[in-house]
C-alpha atoms as a PDB file:
ATOM      1  CA  MET A   1      67.344 -48.212 -34.885  1.00  0.00           C
ATOM      2  CA  GLN A   2      64.035 -49.410 -36.270  1.00  0.00           C
ATOM      3  CA  GLN A   3      62.552 -49.224 -32.781  1.00  0.00           C
ATOM      4  CA  ILE A   4      63.685 -45.588 -32.408  1.00  0.00           C
ATOM      5  CA  ARG A   5      62.032 -44.642 -35.727  1.00  0.00           C
ATOM      6  CA  THR A   6      58.827 -46.423 -34.737  1.00  0.00           C
ATOM      7  CA  SER A   7      58.766 -44.641 -31.355  1.00  0.00           C
ATOM      8  CA  MET A   8      59.299 -41.233 -33.004  1.00  0.00           C
ATOM      9  CA  THR A   9      56.547 -41.947 -35.530  1.00  0.00           C
ATOM     10  CA  LEU A  10      54.046 -42.876 -32.791  1.00  0.00           C
ATOM     11  CA  THR A  11      54.963 -39.761 -30.832  1.00  0.00           C
ATOM     12  CA  SER A  12      54.467 -37.602 -33.928  1.00  0.00           C
ATOM     13  CA  ILE A  13      51.078 -39.187 -34.602  1.00  0.00           C
ATOM     14  CA  ARG A  14      49.978 -38.569 -30.999  1.00  0.00           C
ATOM     15  CA  LEU A  15      51.028 -34.918 -31.208  1.00  0.00           C
ATOM     16  CA  MET A  16      49.229 -34.457 -34.532  1.00  0.00           C
ATOM     17  CA  VAL A  17      46.062 -36.101 -33.238  1.00  0.00           C
ATOM     18  CA  HIS A  18      46.201 -33.987 -30.064  1.00  0.00           C
ATOM     19  CA  PHE A  19      46.730 -30.848 -32.147  1.00  0.00           C
ATOM     20  CA  GLN A  20      43.853 -31.745 -34.470  1.00  0.00           C
ATOM     21  CA  ILE A  21      41.550 -32.461 -31.530  1.00  0.00           C
ATOM     22  CA  GLN A  22      42.487 -29.138 -29.939  1.00  0.00           C
ATOM     23  CA  PHE A  23      42.106 -27.338 -33.252  1.00  0.00           C
ATOM     24  CA  CYS A  24      38.786 -28.974 -34.125  1.00  0.00           C
ATOM     25  CA  LYS A  25      37.056 -28.741 -30.753  1.00  0.00           C
ATOM     26  CA  GLY A  26      35.215 -25.638 -32.026  1.00  0.00           C
ATOM     27  CA  PRO A  27      33.619 -22.742 -30.157  1.00  0.00           C
ATOM     28  CA  THR A  28      32.969 -22.872 -26.419  1.00  0.00           C
ATOM     29  CA  PHE A  29      31.145 -20.760 -23.864  1.00  0.00           C
ATOM     30  CA  SER A  30      33.734 -18.982 -21.773  1.00  0.00           C
ATOM     31  CA  MET A  31      31.486 -18.323 -18.771  1.00  0.00           C
ATOM     32  CA  ALA A  32      28.077 -19.148 -17.370  1.00  0.00           C
ATOM     33  CA  ILE A  33      25.234 -16.768 -18.173  1.00  0.00           C
ATOM     34  CA  SER A  34      23.902 -14.769 -15.239  1.00  0.00           C
ATOM     35  CA  ASN A  35      20.149 -14.546 -14.828  1.00  0.00           C
ATOM     36  CA  VAL A  36      18.701 -11.079 -15.338  1.00  0.00           C
ATOM     37  CA  THR A  37      16.089  -9.214 -13.292  1.00  0.00           C
ATOM     38  CA  ILE A  38      14.537  -6.116 -14.848  1.00  0.00           C
ATOM     39  CA  PRO A  39      11.563  -3.862 -13.999  1.00  0.00           C
ATOM     40  CA  VAL A  40       8.677  -3.866 -16.450  1.00  0.00           C
ATOM     41  CA  GLY A  41       9.009  -1.158 -19.111  1.00  0.00           C
ATOM     42  CA  ARG A  42      12.819  -1.069 -19.062  1.00  0.00           C
ATOM     43  CA  GLU A  43      15.272  -2.579 -21.588  1.00  0.00           C
ATOM     44  CA  ALA A  44      16.645  -6.033 -20.816  1.00  0.00           C
ATOM     45  CA  VAL A  45      20.072  -7.024 -22.146  1.00  0.00           C
ATOM     46  CA  LEU A  46      21.044 -10.714 -22.091  1.00  0.00           C
ATOM     47  CA  SER A  47      24.671 -11.575 -22.831  1.00  0.00           C
ATOM     48  CA  CYS A  48      26.418 -14.693 -24.071  1.00  0.00           C
ATOM     49  CA  VAL A  49      30.240 -14.961 -24.266  1.00  0.00           C
ATOM     50  CA  VAL A  50      31.738 -17.410 -26.805  1.00  0.00           C
ATOM     51  CA  GLU A  51      35.377 -18.268 -27.544  1.00  0.00           C
ATOM     52  CA  ASP A  52      36.646 -19.367 -30.998  1.00  0.00           C
ATOM     53  CA  LEU A  53      33.333 -18.813 -32.782  1.00  0.00           C
ATOM     54  CA  SER A  54      35.053 -18.846 -36.181  1.00  0.00           C
ATOM     55  CA  ASN A  55      32.414 -19.353 -38.918  1.00  0.00           C
ATOM     56  CA  TYR A  56      29.758 -20.684 -36.586  1.00  0.00           C
ATOM     57  CA  LYS A  57      26.714 -18.591 -35.779  1.00  0.00           C
ATOM     58  CA  ILE A  58      24.968 -17.559 -32.580  1.00  0.00           C
ATOM     59  CA  ALA A  59      21.193 -17.743 -32.295  1.00  0.00           C
ATOM     60  CA  TRP A  60      18.929 -16.470 -29.512  1.00  0.00           C
ATOM     61  CA  LEU A  61      15.689 -18.353 -28.805  1.00  0.00           C
ATOM     62  CA  GLN A  62      12.772 -17.825 -26.433  1.00  0.00           C
ATOM     63  CA  VAL A  63      12.414 -21.249 -24.833  1.00  0.00           C
ATOM     64  CA  ASN A  64       8.820 -21.224 -23.592  1.00  0.00           C
ATOM     65  CA  THR A  65       7.451 -20.200 -27.008  1.00  0.00           C
ATOM     66  CA  GLN A  66      10.148 -22.079 -29.004  1.00  0.00           C
ATOM     67  CA  THR A  67      10.658 -18.919 -31.057  1.00  0.00           C
ATOM     68  CA  ILE A  68      13.899 -18.126 -32.885  1.00  0.00           C
ATOM     69  CA  LEU A  69      14.577 -14.473 -32.162  1.00  0.00           C
ATOM     70  CA  THR A  70      17.935 -13.782 -33.830  1.00  0.00           C
ATOM     71  CA  ILE A  71      20.604 -15.560 -35.891  1.00  0.00           C
ATOM     72  CA  ALA A  72      24.012 -13.898 -36.041  1.00  0.00           C
ATOM     73  CA  ASN A  73      23.373 -10.204 -36.799  1.00  0.00           C
ATOM     74  CA  HIS A  74      19.850 -10.756 -38.094  1.00  0.00           C
ATOM     75  CA  VAL A  75      16.594 -10.368 -36.174  1.00  0.00           C
ATOM     76  CA  ILE A  76      14.265 -13.189 -37.217  1.00  0.00           C
ATOM     77  CA  THR A  77      11.216 -12.437 -35.090  1.00  0.00           C
ATOM     78  CA  LYS A  78       8.710  -9.790 -36.132  1.00  0.00           C
ATOM     79  CA  ASN A  79       8.744  -8.421 -32.613  1.00  0.00           C
ATOM     80  CA  HIS A  80      10.056  -4.883 -33.113  1.00  0.00           C
ATOM     81  CA  ARG A  81      11.247  -4.745 -29.502  1.00  0.00           C
ATOM     82  CA  ILE A  82      13.946  -7.379 -30.134  1.00  0.00           C
ATOM     83  CA  GLY A  83      17.481  -6.459 -31.197  1.00  0.00           C
ATOM     84  CA  VAL A  84      20.933  -8.074 -31.315  1.00  0.00           C
ATOM     85  CA  THR A  85      24.447  -6.665 -31.028  1.00  0.00           C
ATOM     86  CA  HIS A  86      27.904  -8.142 -30.478  1.00  0.00           C
ATOM     87  CA  SER A  87      31.374  -7.181 -29.380  1.00  0.00           C
ATOM     88  CA  ASP A  88      34.164  -8.565 -31.612  1.00  0.00           C
ATOM     89  CA  HIS A  89      32.078 -11.672 -32.402  1.00  0.00           C
ATOM     90  CA  ARG A  90      32.803 -12.807 -28.851  1.00  0.00           C
ATOM     91  CA  THR A  91      30.065 -11.335 -26.645  1.00  0.00           C
ATOM     92  CA  TRP A  92      26.564 -11.464 -28.088  1.00  0.00           C
ATOM     93  CA  TYR A  93      23.752  -9.367 -26.650  1.00  0.00           C
ATOM     94  CA  LEU A  94      20.015  -9.893 -26.965  1.00  0.00           C
ATOM     95  CA  HIS A  95      18.104  -6.632 -26.412  1.00  0.00           C
ATOM     96  CA  ILE A  96      14.442  -6.586 -25.373  1.00  0.00           C
ATOM     97  CA  LYS A  97      13.043  -3.066 -25.236  1.00  0.00           C
ATOM     98  CA  ASP A  98      10.022  -1.990 -23.185  1.00  0.00           C
ATOM     99  CA  VAL A  99       9.981  -5.300 -21.301  1.00  0.00           C
ATOM    100  CA  ARG A 100       6.570  -6.810 -20.576  1.00  0.00           C
ATOM    101  CA  GLU A 101       5.507  -9.394 -18.017  1.00  0.00           C
ATOM    102  CA  SER A 102       4.983 -11.866 -20.867  1.00  0.00           C
ATOM    103  CA  ASP A 103       8.697 -11.603 -21.732  1.00  0.00           C
ATOM    104  CA  ALA A 104       9.673 -13.383 -18.519  1.00  0.00           C
ATOM    105  CA  GLY A 105      11.109 -16.881 -18.880  1.00  0.00           C
ATOM    106  CA  ASP A 106      14.068 -18.841 -20.251  1.00  0.00           C
ATOM    107  CA  TYR A 107      16.152 -17.650 -23.211  1.00  0.00           C
ATOM    108  CA  MET A 108      18.698 -19.819 -25.015  1.00  0.00           C
ATOM    109  CA  CYS A 109      21.993 -18.742 -26.546  1.00  0.00           C
ATOM    110  CA  GLN A 110      22.759 -21.447 -29.132  1.00  0.00           C
ATOM    111  CA  ILE A 111      25.790 -22.233 -31.338  1.00  0.00           C
ATOM    112  CA  ASN A 112      25.092 -24.156 -34.563  1.00  0.00           C
ATOM    113  CA  THR A 113      27.742 -26.812 -33.935  1.00  0.00           C
ATOM    114  CA  ASP A 114      27.046 -30.524 -34.369  1.00  0.00           C
ATOM    115  CA  PRO A 115      25.813 -31.354 -31.840  1.00  0.00           C
ATOM    116  CA  MET A 116      24.558 -27.879 -30.970  1.00  0.00           C
ATOM    117  CA  LYS A 117      25.860 -26.137 -27.878  1.00  0.00           C
ATOM    118  CA  SER A 118      23.662 -23.882 -25.797  1.00  0.00           C
ATOM    119  CA  GLN A 119      23.296 -21.935 -22.583  1.00  0.00           C
ATOM    120  CA  ILE A 120      20.081 -20.809 -20.906  1.00  0.00           C
ATOM    121  CA  VAL A 121      19.448 -17.554 -19.042  1.00  0.00           C
ATOM    122  CA  TYR A 122      16.321 -16.747 -17.054  1.00  0.00           C
ATOM    123  CA  LEU A 123      14.745 -13.314 -17.433  1.00  0.00           C
ATOM    124  CA  GLU A 124      12.739 -12.206 -14.412  1.00  0.00           C
ATOM    125  CA  VAL A 125      10.425  -9.257 -14.999  1.00  0.00           C
ATOM    126  CA  VAL A 126       9.488  -7.451 -11.795  1.00  0.00           C
ATOM    127  CA  VAL A 127       6.403  -5.251 -11.614  1.00  0.00           C
ATOM    128  CA  PRO A 128       5.750  -2.540  -9.011  1.00  0.00           C
ATOM    129  CA  PRO A 129       2.606  -3.020  -6.931  1.00  0.00           C
ATOM    130  CA  ASP A 130      -0.742  -1.685  -8.071  1.00  0.00           C
ATOM    131  CA  ILE A 131      -3.824  -1.653  -5.832  1.00  0.00           C
ATOM    132  CA  LEU A 132      -6.938  -2.975  -7.548  1.00  0.00           C
ATOM    133  CA  ASP A 133     -10.187  -1.020  -7.378  1.00  0.00           C
ATOM    134  CA  TYR A 134     -11.996  -4.317  -6.793  1.00  0.00           C
ATOM    135  CA  PRO A 135     -12.179  -6.109  -4.399  1.00  0.00           C
ATOM    136  CA  THR A 136     -10.391  -3.360  -2.452  1.00  0.00           C
ATOM    137  CA  SER A 137     -12.791  -1.626  -0.079  1.00  0.00           C
ATOM    138  CA  THR A 138     -14.057   1.884  -0.682  1.00  0.00           C
ATOM    139  CA  ASP A 139     -15.040   4.292   2.095  1.00  0.00           C
ATOM    140  CA  MET A 140     -17.356   2.447   4.466  1.00  0.00           C
ATOM    141  CA  VAL A 141     -20.246   3.541   6.699  1.00  0.00           C
ATOM    142  CA  VAL A 142     -21.171   1.151   9.534  1.00  0.00           C
ATOM    143  CA  ARG A 143     -23.286   1.234  12.690  1.00  0.00           C
ATOM    144  CA  GLU A 144     -21.491   1.197  16.004  1.00  0.00           C
ATOM    145  CA  GLY A 145     -21.324  -2.313  17.452  1.00  0.00           C
ATOM    146  CA  SER A 146     -21.232  -4.121  14.110  1.00  0.00           C
ATOM    147  CA  ASN A 147     -18.308  -6.104  12.676  1.00  0.00           C
ATOM    148  CA  VAL A 148     -16.407  -4.731   9.701  1.00  0.00           C
ATOM    149  CA  THR A 149     -13.809  -6.110   7.277  1.00  0.00           C
ATOM    150  CA  LEU A 150     -11.623  -3.835   5.170  1.00  0.00           C
ATOM    151  CA  LYS A 151     -10.168  -5.510   2.073  1.00  0.00           C
ATOM    152  CA  CYS A 152      -7.142  -4.673  -0.036  1.00  0.00           C
ATOM    153  CA  ALA A 153      -5.997  -6.429  -3.228  1.00  0.00           C
ATOM    154  CA  ALA A 154      -2.887  -5.651  -5.254  1.00  0.00           C
ATOM    155  CA  THR A 155      -1.060  -6.973  -8.299  1.00  0.00           C
ATOM    156  CA  GLY A 156       2.673  -6.987  -8.915  1.00  0.00           C
ATOM    157  CA  SER A 157       5.654  -9.279  -9.279  1.00  0.00           C
ATOM    158  CA  PRO A 158       6.816 -10.509  -6.838  1.00  0.00           C
ATOM    159  CA  THR A 159       3.417 -10.731  -5.135  1.00  0.00           C
ATOM    160  CA  PRO A 160       3.032  -7.605  -2.984  1.00  0.00           C
ATOM    161  CA  ASN A 161       2.780  -7.648   0.791  1.00  0.00           C
ATOM    162  CA  ILE A 162      -0.199  -5.775   2.245  1.00  0.00           C
ATOM    163  CA  THR A 163       0.128  -3.695   5.416  1.00  0.00           C
ATOM    164  CA  TRP A 164      -2.641  -1.765   7.189  1.00  0.00           C
ATOM    165  CA  ARG A 165      -1.972   1.410   9.162  1.00  0.00           C
ATOM    166  CA  ARG A 166      -4.062   4.221  10.544  1.00  0.00           C
ATOM    167  CA  GLU A 167      -3.401   7.668   9.177  1.00  0.00           C
ATOM    168  CA  GLY A 168      -1.656   9.932  11.628  1.00  0.00           C
ATOM    169  CA  SER A 169       0.109   7.028  13.391  1.00  0.00           C
ATOM    170  CA  GLU A 170      -2.936   6.212  15.538  1.00  0.00           C
ATOM    171  CA  LEU A 171      -3.090   2.671  16.877  1.00  0.00           C
ATOM    172  CA  ILE A 172      -5.384   0.023  15.398  1.00  0.00           C
ATOM    173  CA  THR A 173      -7.532  -1.449  18.174  1.00  0.00           C
ATOM    174  CA  LEU A 174      -8.034  -5.205  17.833  1.00  0.00           C
ATOM    175  CA  ALA A 175     -10.711  -7.484  19.311  1.00  0.00           C
ATOM    176  CA  ASN A 176      -8.799  -7.943  22.566  1.00  0.00           C
ATOM    177  CA  ASP A 177      -8.537  -4.140  22.952  1.00  0.00           C
ATOM    178  CA  GLN A 178      -4.851  -4.385  22.104  1.00  0.00           C
ATOM    179  CA  GLY A 179      -3.520  -1.422  20.143  1.00  0.00           C
ATOM    180  CA  VAL A 180      -1.041  -2.133  17.336  1.00  0.00           C
ATOM    181  CA  THR A 181       0.740   0.126  14.869  1.00  0.00           C
ATOM    182  CA  HIS A 182       0.045  -2.089  11.848  1.00  0.00           C
ATOM    183  CA  VAL A 183      -1.637  -5.281  10.671  1.00  0.00           C
ATOM    184  CA  GLU A 184      -0.271  -7.547   7.913  1.00  0.00           C
ATOM    185  CA  GLY A 185      -2.498  -9.233   5.331  1.00  0.00           C
ATOM    186  CA  PRO A 186      -5.130  -8.409   2.705  1.00  0.00           C
ATOM    187  CA  MET A 187      -7.985  -8.094   5.247  1.00  0.00           C
ATOM    188  CA  LEU A 188      -8.388  -5.975   8.355  1.00  0.00           C
ATOM    189  CA  ASN A 189     -11.096  -7.351  10.658  1.00  0.00           C
ATOM    190  CA  ILE A 190     -12.558  -5.092  13.338  1.00  0.00           C
ATOM    191  CA  THR A 191     -14.959  -6.704  15.814  1.00  0.00           C
ATOM    192  CA  ARG A 192     -17.683  -4.613  17.470  1.00  0.00           C
ATOM    193  CA  VAL A 193     -16.575  -1.384  15.856  1.00  0.00           C
ATOM    194  CA  ASN A 194     -16.934   1.765  17.934  1.00  0.00           C
ATOM    195  CA  ARG A 195     -16.493   5.487  17.436  1.00  0.00           C
ATOM    196  CA  LEU A 196     -12.801   5.277  18.338  1.00  0.00           C
ATOM    197  CA  HIS A 197     -12.254   3.167  15.208  1.00  0.00           C
ATOM    198  CA  MET A 198     -13.560   5.970  12.998  1.00  0.00           C
ATOM    199  CA  GLY A 199     -11.070   7.628  10.672  1.00  0.00           C
ATOM    200  CA  PRO A 200      -8.848   6.987   7.636  1.00  0.00           C
ATOM    201  CA  TYR A 201      -6.996   3.684   7.201  1.00  0.00           C
ATOM    202  CA  LEU A 202      -4.122   3.112   4.781  1.00  0.00           C
ATOM    203  CA  CYS A 203      -3.750  -0.063   2.743  1.00  0.00           C
ATOM    204  CA  ILE A 204      -0.055  -0.174   1.748  1.00  0.00           C
ATOM    205  CA  ALA A 205       1.246  -2.538  -0.961  1.00  0.00           C
ATOM    206  CA  SER A 206       4.980  -3.203  -1.393  1.00  0.00           C
ATOM    207  CA  ASN A 207       7.105  -5.890  -3.058  1.00  0.00           C
ATOM    208  CA  GLY A 208      10.592  -4.397  -3.132  1.00  0.00           C
ATOM    209  CA  VAL A 209      10.014  -2.834  -6.561  1.00  0.00           C
ATOM    210  CA  PRO A 210       9.491   0.927  -6.244  1.00  0.00           C
ATOM    211  CA  PRO A 211       7.249   2.704  -5.845  1.00  0.00           C
ATOM    212  CA  THR A 212       5.292   1.449  -2.843  1.00  0.00           C
ATOM    213  CA  VAL A 213       1.618   2.403  -3.245  1.00  0.00           C
ATOM    214  CA  SER A 214      -1.238   2.976  -0.823  1.00  0.00           C
ATOM    215  CA  LYS A 215      -4.968   3.597  -0.769  1.00  0.00           C
ATOM    216  CA  ARG A 216      -6.820   5.654   1.825  1.00  0.00           C
ATOM    217  CA  ILE A 217     -10.051   4.093   3.071  1.00  0.00           C
ATOM    218  CA  MET A 218     -12.322   6.107   5.351  1.00  0.00           C
ATOM    219  CA  LEU A 219     -14.202   4.175   8.025  1.00  0.00           C
ATOM    220  CA  ILE A 220     -17.257   6.122   9.181  1.00  0.00           C
ATOM    221  CA  VAL A 221     -19.073   4.909  12.289  1.00  0.00           C
ATOM    222  CA  HIS A 222     -22.678   6.001  12.843  1.00  0.00           C
ATOM    223  CA  PHE A 223     -24.113   6.245  16.347  1.00  0.00           C
ATOM    224  CA  PRO A 224     -26.876   8.220  18.087  1.00  0.00           C
ATOM    225  CA  PRO A 225     -26.086  11.290  20.205  1.00  0.00           C
ATOM    226  CA  MET A 226     -24.747  11.017  23.708  1.00  0.00           C
ATOM    227  CA  ILE A 227     -24.308  13.936  26.133  1.00  0.00           C
ATOM    228  CA  MET A 228     -22.007  14.231  29.130  1.00  0.00           C
ATOM    229  CA  VAL A 229     -22.416  16.952  31.771  1.00  0.00           C
ATOM    230  CA  GLN A 230     -19.600  17.417  34.234  1.00  0.00           C
ATOM    231  CA  ASP A 231     -21.283  19.969  36.518  1.00  0.00           C
ATOM    232  CA  GLN A 232     -25.034  19.487  36.767  1.00  0.00           C
ATOM    233  CA  LEU A 233     -25.387  22.117  39.460  1.00  0.00           C
ATOM    234  CA  VAL A 234     -23.717  25.531  39.162  1.00  0.00           C
ATOM    235  CA  GLY A 235     -24.101  28.625  41.290  1.00  0.00           C
ATOM    236  CA  ALA A 236     -23.714  32.321  40.509  1.00  0.00           C
ATOM    237  CA  GLN A 237     -24.724  35.604  42.077  1.00  0.00           C
ATOM    238  CA  GLU A 238     -26.727  38.190  40.194  1.00  0.00           C
ATOM    239  CA  GLY A 239     -24.515  40.299  37.959  1.00  0.00           C
ATOM    240  CA  GLN A 240     -21.854  37.616  37.617  1.00  0.00           C
ATOM    241  CA  GLU A 241     -20.783  36.089  34.280  1.00  0.00           C
ATOM    242  CA  LEU A 242     -21.271  32.337  34.111  1.00  0.00           C
ATOM    243  CA  THR A 243     -20.419  29.624  31.565  1.00  0.00           C
ATOM    244  CA  MET A 244     -22.127  26.220  31.504  1.00  0.00           C
ATOM    245  CA  GLU A 245     -20.680  23.314  29.515  1.00  0.00           C
ATOM    246  CA  CYS A 246     -21.850  20.042  27.953  1.00  0.00           C
ATOM    247  CA  MET A 247     -19.964  17.558  25.771  1.00  0.00           C
ATOM    248  CA  SER A 248     -21.827  15.659  23.054  1.00  0.00           C
ATOM    249  CA  GLU A 249     -20.786  12.827  20.758  1.00  0.00           C
ATOM    250  CA  ALA A 250     -22.710  11.787  17.645  1.00  0.00           C
ATOM    251  CA  TYR A 251     -22.281  10.780  14.017  1.00  0.00           C
ATOM    252  CA  PRO A 252     -23.656  11.843  11.595  1.00  0.00           C
ATOM    253  CA  LYS A 253     -22.876  15.186  13.150  1.00  0.00           C
ATOM    254  CA  SER A 254     -25.596  16.348  15.481  1.00  0.00           C
ATOM    255  CA  ILE A 255     -27.562  19.567  15.705  1.00  0.00           C
ATOM    256  CA  ASN A 256     -26.685  21.109  19.057  1.00  0.00           C
ATOM    257  CA  TYR A 257     -28.468  23.880  20.948  1.00  0.00           C
ATOM    258  CA  TRP A 258     -29.499  25.170  24.367  1.00  0.00           C
ATOM    259  CA  THR A 259     -33.003  25.747  25.820  1.00  0.00           C
ATOM    260  CA  ARG A 260     -34.573  26.460  29.183  1.00  0.00           C
ATOM    261  CA  GLU A 261     -35.970  23.304  30.762  1.00  0.00           C
ATOM    262  CA  ASN A 262     -39.639  24.231  30.326  1.00  0.00           C
ATOM    263  CA  ASP A 263     -39.214  26.220  27.140  1.00  0.00           C
ATOM    264  CA  ASP A 264     -38.560  24.793  23.670  1.00  0.00           C
ATOM    265  CA  GLU A 265     -37.271  28.114  22.368  1.00  0.00           C
ATOM    266  CA  ILE A 266     -33.627  27.862  21.345  1.00  0.00           C
ATOM    267  CA  ILE A 267     -31.309  30.217  23.192  1.00  0.00           C
ATOM    268  CA  ALA A 268     -29.682  32.310  20.474  1.00  0.00           C
ATOM    269  CA  ASN A 269     -26.674  34.595  20.570  1.00  0.00           C
ATOM    270  CA  SER A 270     -27.582  37.970  22.028  1.00  0.00           C
ATOM    271  CA  GLU A 271     -26.318  40.687  24.339  1.00  0.00           C
ATOM    272  CA  LYS A 272     -27.181  38.433  27.247  1.00  0.00           C
ATOM    273  CA  TYR A 273     -26.352  34.931  25.942  1.00  0.00           C
ATOM    274  CA  ASP A 274     -23.332  33.595  24.053  1.00  0.00           C
ATOM    275  CA  PRO A 275     -23.784  29.948  22.935  1.00  0.00           C
ATOM    276  CA  VAL A 276     -20.591  28.487  21.428  1.00  0.00           C
ATOM    277  CA  LEU A 277     -20.040  25.125  19.694  1.00  0.00           C
ATOM    278  CA  LEU A 278     -16.523  23.668  19.324  1.00  0.00           C
ATOM    279  CA  ASN A 279     -16.563  20.791  16.814  1.00  0.00           C
ATOM    280  CA  ASN A 280     -14.069  17.933  16.487  1.00  0.00           C
ATOM    281  CA  VAL A 281     -15.090  15.077  14.128  1.00  0.00           C
ATOM    282  CA  TYR A 282     -17.858  13.469  16.191  1.00  0.00           C
ATOM    283  CA  LYS A 283     -17.422  15.500  19.394  1.00  0.00           C
ATOM    284  CA  VAL A 284     -18.992  18.871  20.149  1.00  0.00           C
ATOM    285  CA  GLN A 285     -18.144  20.993  23.164  1.00  0.00           C
ATOM    286  CA  MET A 286     -21.208  23.088  23.981  1.00  0.00           C
ATOM    287  CA  LYS A 287     -20.801  26.272  25.989  1.00  0.00           C
ATOM    288  CA  LEU A 288     -23.454  28.723  27.114  1.00  0.00           C
ATOM    289  CA  THR A 289     -22.242  31.963  28.663  1.00  0.00           C
ATOM    290  CA  ILE A 290     -24.623  34.253  30.535  1.00  0.00           C
ATOM    291  CA  ARG A 291     -22.885  37.619  30.509  1.00  0.00           C
ATOM    292  CA  SER A 292     -24.711  39.018  33.538  1.00  0.00           C
ATOM    293  CA  VAL A 293     -26.852  36.683  35.608  1.00  0.00           C
ATOM    294  CA  SER A 294     -30.252  38.087  36.574  1.00  0.00           C
ATOM    295  CA  LYS A 295     -32.981  36.749  38.826  1.00  0.00           C
ATOM    296  CA  SER A 296     -34.936  35.347  35.873  1.00  0.00           C
ATOM    297  CA  ASP A 297     -31.933  33.273  34.766  1.00  0.00           C
ATOM    298  CA  TYR A 298     -32.066  30.911  37.725  1.00  0.00           C
ATOM    299  CA  GLY A 299     -33.453  27.485  36.950  1.00  0.00           C
ATOM    300  CA  ALA A 300     -32.674  24.519  34.723  1.00  0.00           C
ATOM    301  CA  TYR A 301     -31.084  24.589  31.266  1.00  0.00           C
ATOM    302  CA  LYS A 302     -30.936  21.809  28.685  1.00  0.00           C
ATOM    303  CA  CYS A 303     -28.130  21.092  26.233  1.00  0.00           C
ATOM    304  CA  ILE A 304     -29.651  19.118  23.355  1.00  0.00           C
ATOM    305  CA  ALA A 305     -28.104  17.045  20.544  1.00  0.00           C
ATOM    306  CA  ASN A 306     -29.959  15.202  17.803  1.00  0.00           C
ATOM    307  CA  ASN A 307     -29.152  13.477  14.517  1.00  0.00           C
ATOM    308  CA  SER A 308     -30.871  11.003  12.199  1.00  0.00           C
ATOM    309  CA  LEU A 309     -30.305   8.185  14.696  1.00  0.00           C
ATOM    310  CA  GLY A 310     -31.765   9.794  17.796  1.00  0.00           C
ATOM    311  CA  SER A 311     -31.907  12.672  20.237  1.00  0.00           C
ATOM    312  CA  THR A 312     -30.700  13.239  23.789  1.00  0.00           C
ATOM    313  CA  ASP A 313     -30.192  16.042  26.273  1.00  0.00           C
ATOM    314  CA  GLY A 314     -28.391  16.961  29.450  1.00  0.00           C
ATOM    315  CA  SER A 315     -29.580  19.190  32.262  1.00  0.00           C
ATOM    316  CA  ILE A 316     -27.765  21.866  34.262  1.00  0.00           C
ATOM    317  CA  LYS A 317     -29.384  23.759  37.120  1.00  0.00           C
ATOM    318  CA  LEU A 318     -28.314  27.333  37.825  1.00  0.00           C
ATOM    319  CA  TYR A 319     -28.935  28.454  41.400  1.00  0.00           C
ATOM    320  CA  ARG A 320     -28.161  31.469  43.550  1.00  0.00           C
ATOM    321  CA  PRO A 321     -25.780  30.560  46.367  1.00  0.00           C
ATOM    322  CA  THR A 322     -26.663  31.658  49.880  1.00  0.00           C
ATOM    323  CA  PRO A 323     -24.149  33.880  51.650  1.00  0.00           C
ATOM    324  CA  ASN A 324     -23.135  30.968  53.891  1.00  0.00           C
ATOM    325  CA  SER A 325     -22.324  28.773  50.864  1.00  0.00           C
ATOM    326  CA  ILE A 326     -20.014  31.293  49.259  1.00  0.00           C
END
C-alpha cells in the first residue's frame, strides 16, 4: 500500500513539473521571418509572429547601427520614417516609410525574456538604374581611321548590366568586320572607325528593377570628300534632255556644285540647267539635267565636293553620238 502511495506521489510530481515547465516556457516565435526586398522610396513592412507573449515586450532593432527602433507600441528612434503596429499582440510589424539605400541590412525582432529571444530579418533595398553623366561618353567627333571607345557608367542595386545597341536596329561592326546586334559591358571599342560606324548608339542600363534607362550617344565620323561617277562618258543628240549623275560622300557635309571643265563658274538653276542635290547624312546624290542639249553643251563637266577636310571632283564627258553609234 505504501508503495502504491509513493508511486502516485511521484507521478503527480512529474505531472506538476511537466505542467510548470510547459506553463513557464514563455513566448516563442511561431515561424521564421522572411527576408524583404523593396524598391527605394517605397514603404517596407517587416513582420514578426510571437506566440504566448503575455506581459513580455517586443523590440525592433537595426543591427548594423545597434539602434533600438521600437519597444512594444512605442517608437524609440527619432527617425520619423519608423513606425510600429501589431495584430492582437501576436504579429508585430515594423514600418519604414520612404525607404533609402542606407536602410538596407539586418533587423532584429527581440523578446525581453531571460535569456532574450530574437529573430533576424534582412531588408534588401533595390534601386533602379541611373546612368551617370561622368564618365559616360557624350556625343563624339572622330577622324575616320582612328580608334574610339564609348563609355557608359550606371548606378543601381543590384549593379546594372550595360548593353550597347545601335539606334534603328543597325548592326554594330566589330574589329573582325563581324556585325552584331548588341555588345555587353561598360565600354564599346571600335577599331579603325569608318563612315559606316557613324550614327546614334544606345547605352542601356538594366538590373531587373524598373525602369530600364538608356542614353543616346552620337558618333560623328569626319572624313574628306570622295566622289564616285558611274558613267564618265554620256552621249546625247542636240535637242535631247540629258541627266548626268555623281555620288559624293563627306562629313562635315560638303558643298556640292557643277562646273564646266575649263570654267570655274558654278552651273546654276536656269531654263537650260537643273542641278539637284539629294542629301542623306554624309551622302549626296548630284544630278545635272540639261533640258535641251545644244552644240555648245558638248564637252566635259565636273561635279565638285569640298568641306573643311579637303576637296575632290569627278569628270563626265558629254559627246554627240554618230549615227552609226546610235
